[in-house]
Protein backbone atom coordinates (compact mmCIF):
# COMPACT_ATOMS: atom_id res chain seq x y z
CA UNK A 1 -13.66 -4.22 19.53
CA UNK A 2 -13.72 -0.43 19.16
CA UNK A 3 -15.05 2.12 21.50
CA UNK A 4 -16.54 5.34 20.25
CA UNK A 5 -13.56 7.47 21.37
CA UNK A 6 -11.14 5.34 19.36
CA UNK A 7 -13.22 5.74 16.22
CA UNK A 8 -13.73 9.45 16.81
CA UNK A 9 -9.96 9.97 16.96
CA UNK A 10 -9.65 8.30 13.55
CA UNK A 11 -12.41 10.55 12.15
CA UNK A 12 -10.65 13.62 13.56
CA UNK A 13 -7.46 12.65 11.70
CA UNK A 14 -9.34 11.97 8.45
CA UNK A 15 -12.70 13.77 8.37
CA UNK A 16 -13.60 12.61 4.84
CA UNK A 17 -15.69 9.78 6.28
CA UNK A 18 -18.46 9.90 8.85
CA UNK A 19 -18.29 7.87 12.05
CA UNK A 20 -21.18 5.76 10.76
CA UNK A 21 -19.03 4.56 7.85
CA UNK A 22 -16.41 3.18 10.25
CA UNK A 23 -19.04 1.39 12.32
CA UNK A 24 -20.60 -0.03 9.17
CA UNK A 25 -17.27 -1.40 7.91
CA UNK A 26 -16.44 -2.94 11.30
CA UNK A 27 -19.88 -4.50 11.62
CA UNK A 28 -19.61 -5.84 8.09
CA UNK A 29 -16.31 -7.57 8.90
CA UNK A 30 -18.21 -9.50 11.57
CA UNK A 31 -21.14 -10.04 9.16
CA UNK A 32 -18.75 -11.41 6.51
CA UNK A 33 -17.54 -14.04 8.94
CA UNK A 34 -20.71 -14.88 10.83
CA UNK A 35 -23.29 -14.68 8.03
CA UNK A 36 -21.31 -15.23 4.82
CA UNK A 37 -18.67 -17.63 6.17
CA UNK A 38 -15.78 -15.53 4.86
CA UNK A 39 -12.47 -15.88 6.64
CA UNK A 40 -13.28 -19.15 8.40
CA UNK A 41 -10.60 -21.82 8.20
CA UNK A 42 -13.01 -24.55 9.27
CA UNK A 43 -16.63 -25.25 8.68
CA UNK A 44 -17.32 -23.81 12.12
CA UNK A 45 -18.09 -20.14 12.51
CA UNK A 46 -15.86 -18.28 14.96
CA UNK A 47 -17.13 -17.76 18.47
CA UNK A 48 -17.69 -14.22 19.60
CA UNK A 49 -15.96 -12.79 22.62
CA UNK A 50 -18.16 -12.13 25.63
CA UNK A 51 -18.75 -8.48 26.59
CA UNK A 52 -16.03 -7.38 28.98
CA UNK A 53 -13.47 -9.90 27.70
CA UNK A 54 -10.09 -8.44 26.95
CA UNK A 55 -9.29 -8.09 23.26
CA UNK A 56 -6.90 -10.81 22.12
CA UNK A 57 -3.57 -9.72 20.63
CA UNK A 58 -3.05 -13.05 18.92
CA UNK A 59 -5.16 -13.86 15.87
CA UNK A 60 -8.10 -16.20 16.37
CA UNK A 61 -7.03 -19.61 15.08
CA UNK A 62 -10.42 -20.09 13.37
CA UNK A 63 -10.11 -16.92 11.32
CA UNK A 64 -8.41 -16.46 7.99
CA UNK A 65 -7.87 -13.47 5.83
CA UNK A 66 -10.73 -11.60 4.16
CA UNK A 67 -9.42 -9.93 1.01
CA UNK A 68 -10.28 -6.41 -0.05
CA UNK A 69 -12.50 -7.74 -2.84
CA UNK A 70 -14.29 -10.12 -0.44
CA UNK A 71 -14.88 -7.35 2.07
CA UNK A 72 -16.22 -5.10 -0.69
CA UNK A 73 -18.62 -7.87 -1.71
CA UNK A 74 -19.77 -8.30 1.90
CA UNK A 75 -20.25 -4.51 2.15
CA UNK A 76 -22.35 -4.60 -1.04
CA UNK A 77 -24.50 -7.55 0.09
CA UNK A 78 -25.15 -6.06 3.52
CA UNK A 79 -25.90 -2.60 2.10
CA UNK A 80 -28.48 -3.93 -0.33
CA UNK A 81 -30.09 -5.88 2.50
CA UNK A 82 -30.02 -2.99 5.01
CA UNK A 83 -30.59 0.04 2.80
CA UNK A 84 -32.08 -1.35 -0.41
CA UNK A 85 -32.29 1.15 -3.23
CA UNK A 86 -30.96 3.88 -0.89
CA UNK A 87 -27.57 2.19 -0.32
CA UNK A 88 -25.63 4.49 -2.65
CA UNK A 89 -27.27 7.55 -1.08
CA UNK A 90 -26.44 6.36 2.45
CA UNK A 91 -22.81 5.71 1.52
CA UNK A 92 -22.55 9.10 -0.19
CA UNK A 93 -23.89 10.78 2.97
CA UNK A 94 -21.06 9.08 4.87
CA UNK A 95 -18.43 10.34 2.38
CA UNK A 96 -18.12 6.96 0.65
CA UNK A 97 -18.39 7.17 -3.15
CA UNK A 98 -16.35 4.21 -4.40
CA UNK A 99 -14.86 0.97 -3.15
CA UNK A 100 -11.57 2.91 -2.95
CA UNK A 101 -13.09 4.71 0.05
CA UNK A 102 -13.61 1.40 1.85
CA UNK A 103 -9.88 0.80 1.48
CA UNK A 104 -9.14 4.22 2.94
CA UNK A 105 -11.41 3.48 5.90
CA UNK A 106 -9.82 0.08 6.55
CA UNK A 107 -6.29 1.43 6.29
CA UNK A 108 -7.14 4.39 8.56
CA UNK A 109 -8.07 1.77 11.16
CA UNK A 110 -4.91 -0.22 10.37
CA UNK A 111 -2.79 2.91 10.84
CA UNK A 112 -4.48 3.46 14.20
CA UNK A 113 -3.52 -0.09 15.19
CA UNK A 114 -7.13 -1.22 15.47
CA UNK A 115 -7.42 -3.60 12.51
CA UNK A 116 -4.84 -6.08 11.29
CA UNK A 117 -4.00 -6.95 7.72
CA UNK A 118 -2.26 -9.89 6.11
CA UNK A 119 1.13 -9.48 4.48
CA UNK A 120 0.70 -8.01 1.02
CA UNK A 121 -2.61 -6.27 1.77
CA UNK A 122 -2.77 -2.76 0.35
CA UNK A 123 -5.25 0.02 -0.31
CA UNK A 124 -5.06 -0.75 -4.00
CA UNK A 125 -6.90 -4.03 -3.32
CA UNK A 126 -10.06 -1.94 -2.93
CA UNK A 127 -9.73 0.17 -6.07
CA UNK A 128 -12.56 -0.19 -8.56
CA UNK A 129 -13.95 -3.46 -7.20
CA UNK A 130 -17.39 -2.39 -8.42
CA UNK A 131 -19.21 0.71 -9.54
CA UNK A 132 -21.70 2.03 -6.97
CA UNK A 133 -24.25 3.08 -9.60
CA UNK A 134 -24.29 -0.41 -11.11
CA UNK A 135 -24.08 -2.29 -7.80
CA UNK A 136 -26.75 -0.36 -5.92
CA UNK A 137 -29.02 1.30 -8.47
CA UNK A 138 -28.92 -0.14 -11.98
CA UNK A 139 -29.22 -3.77 -10.88
CA UNK A 140 -31.70 -3.16 -8.08
CA UNK A 141 -35.13 -4.67 -8.55
CA UNK A 142 -38.14 -4.11 -6.38
CA UNK A 143 -39.94 -7.26 -5.21
CA UNK A 144 -43.28 -7.75 -6.88
CA UNK A 145 -46.22 -7.66 -4.51
CA UNK A 146 -48.64 -10.51 -4.88
CA UNK A 147 -52.25 -9.50 -5.23
CA UNK A 148 -54.61 -11.51 -3.14
């Protein structure tokens, strides 16, 4: 999908966000489809391209739009799973402090011609979707260990 040089050029144009943030958002788009079933027009999950296949210019017929709010939810779910209580800290290290920043990242990739949007999509779709403190810290619970 993206090679490292393409992402680095985006980071050079907008250095607010670390390269890791772009990779995380791209990987979460795939996660939203493959693991959460977002954006699938049928009950079947989309097939992945084989390594070395040329990127398709036409949209995959199995894929539908993932809204800004849906993507933010997928980013939240995956972050809690991957980073646990440290999710907010990891995002902050990458320059990401609010869901607004996810919109900036997506639209930086759109401007570079690397991600497509649906008609009507805008950065504002990402504004204030959730509060990081509440989503990653206040509502986080540690699993109870069972004593044997």
